[in-house]
Amino acid sequence: MMNYLIILAGAMMIVAAVFAVEAKKILDAVIAMSVVSLVSVFLFIAMRAPDVAITEASVGAGLVTAVFLVSLFKMKGGDEQ
């Protein structure tokens, strides 16, 4: 059963990564990269590496996504002026 979940998570990561590369809107790409990071957290937990999962959740999914979103909104704010 666990093998099927790992395969499903890997497939979800591949689909989200391809979507992030092919997305027309930058916001969609940022959200897709965040999904890739969150699914990798599940894979790290499945591999019994909770310390790496916590680090990936806080840095990869949290901090990097926040920095991408802040920079994206600052760029759009500069274009409207």
Protein backbone atom coordinates (compact mmCIF):
# COMPACT_ATOMS: atom_id res chain seq x y z
CA MET A 1 0.00 0.00 0.00
CA MET A 2 2.78 2.42 0.90
CA ASN A 3 4.52 1.76 -2.42
CA TYR A 4 1.42 2.91 -4.29
CA LEU A 5 1.31 6.13 -2.30
CA ILE A 6 4.97 6.79 -3.02
CA ILE A 7 4.43 6.19 -6.73
CA LEU A 8 1.38 8.46 -6.68
CA ALA A 9 3.34 11.19 -4.90
CA GLY A 10 6.17 10.88 -7.41
CA ALA A 11 3.71 11.16 -10.29
CA MET A 12 2.13 14.22 -8.65
CA MET A 13 5.58 15.81 -8.35
CA ILE A 14 6.31 15.19 -12.03
CA VAL A 15 2.95 16.62 -13.12
CA ALA A 16 3.34 19.69 -10.90
CA ALA A 17 6.91 20.27 -12.11
CA VAL A 18 5.90 20.07 -15.76
CA PHE A 19 2.98 22.41 -15.06
CA ALA A 20 5.34 24.86 -13.34
CA VAL A 21 7.62 24.91 -16.37
CA GLU A 22 4.79 25.21 -18.90
CA ALA A 23 2.57 27.66 -16.97
CA LYS A 24 1.70 30.90 -18.73
CA LYS A 25 1.24 32.88 -15.51
CA ILE A 26 4.10 33.25 -13.06
CA LEU A 27 1.75 32.93 -10.07
CA ASP A 28 0.62 29.51 -11.31
CA ALA A 29 4.25 28.42 -11.63
CA VAL A 30 5.03 29.56 -8.07
CA ILE A 31 2.05 27.65 -6.70
CA ALA A 32 3.04 24.54 -8.66
CA MET A 33 6.58 24.71 -7.28
CA SER A 34 5.13 24.98 -3.80
CA VAL A 35 3.09 21.84 -4.47
CA VAL A 36 6.26 20.03 -5.57
CA SER A 37 7.91 21.02 -2.32
CA LEU A 38 4.94 19.93 -0.21
CA VAL A 39 4.74 16.55 -1.92
CA SER A 40 8.47 16.07 -1.36
CA VAL A 41 7.78 16.58 2.36
CA PHE A 42 5.45 13.57 2.22
CA LEU A 43 8.14 11.54 0.47
CA PHE A 44 10.73 12.46 3.11
CA ILE A 45 8.32 11.34 5.83
CA ALA A 46 7.74 8.07 3.95
CA MET A 47 11.53 7.57 3.83
CA ARG A 48 11.63 8.06 7.62
CA ALA A 49 13.58 11.32 7.47
CA PRO A 50 11.45 13.66 9.61
CA ASP A 51 14.25 16.18 10.14
CA VAL A 52 14.66 16.66 6.39
CA ALA A 53 10.87 16.84 6.00
CA ILE A 54 10.59 19.59 8.60
CA THR A 55 13.40 21.55 6.95
CA GLU A 56 11.84 21.17 3.51
CA ALA A 57 8.43 22.20 4.82
CA SER A 58 9.74 25.32 6.52
CA VAL A 59 12.29 26.44 3.95
CA GLY A 60 11.14 24.93 0.66
CA ALA A 61 7.41 25.27 0.97
CA GLY A 62 7.24 28.18 3.38
CA LEU A 63 10.08 30.64 3.02
CA VAL A 64 10.87 30.22 -0.67
CA THR A 65 7.20 30.45 -1.66
CA ALA A 66 6.79 33.58 0.45
CA VAL A 67 9.86 35.20 -1.13
CA PHE A 68 8.62 34.32 -4.62
CA LEU A 69 5.16 35.76 -3.92
CA VAL A 70 6.48 38.96 -2.34
CA SER A 71 8.86 39.55 -5.23
CA LEU A 72 6.12 38.79 -7.74
CA PHE A 73 3.72 41.29 -6.18
CA LYS A 74 6.45 43.92 -5.94
CA MET A 75 7.24 43.47 -9.64
CA LYS A 76 3.59 43.84 -10.58
CA GLY A 77 3.27 46.92 -8.36
CA GLY A 78 6.18 48.53 -10.22
CA ASP A 79 4.59 47.88 -13.62
CA GLU A 80 1.32 49.64 -12.75
CA GLN A 81 2.89 52.98 -11.80
